[in-house]
């Protein structure tokens, strides 16, 4: 958000902040537009301010006049609010940063190369598509799982191994690296397929139930909000670009 602020200033906007930097005191009620972070709240009580100790109540947003544009990362019920996470112009660019960050994590966390590794990508949405494209250049043994027949047909057309996501537990393969891009909980039957694998979870609500991963020897690495960690400058720029287009 600090980099988003800098980008907006560079574009000619007058930008103040509240809860973003120490001792800032921007007035939310005098703003034409309010930009909230990702996620905009973690407790549904206060706005997310991880860089300061400020407590800004979430219900302050309900007090803003209808003419004030509010942009935030996450769902919120208000007519003048826009969830920029749900917009293609943001999500597609963000998917690129997520895919790059996931690959960087795999390179750092494994003691073998991606080249000739057996790799599975679970899901063929925005992130899955970009991740598949980037991983295909590493010349590994790549498999991609999807739910829809349309996505399976596209994966096959690209000459990539495919699986139906609901049938992963029936797979006899053993993978070295798994990237999960979908919000799904995996049980014991699925975990057995991933025994010994490095599992990188890019989903927001995915993962394994309890200690299932540990019991199967899976090296489980949750990677939430990875763009902000591996490419904060670009992540901020994408948020600013999206907001500017929305204001136009």
Foldseek 3Di string as FASTA:
>chain_A
DVLLQVLLVVVPDDDFDDLADPPTDDDPQVDQEAEAEVALDDPQFAGDRVHDPDGHGPCVVVVHDLRRAYEHCDDDDDPRYDHCCPDPLLVLLVLLLLLVLLVVCVVVVDPDALAQFEEEEEEDDSNNVNNVVVSVVSNYQYEYEYADPVVVVVCVVVVHHYDHNVCQLVDPAEGQEYEYADQDEDELSNLLNDQCHAYEYAYPRYYYDDCSNVVSNYNYHYQYPSSCVPPVNVSSVSSNVSVVVVVD
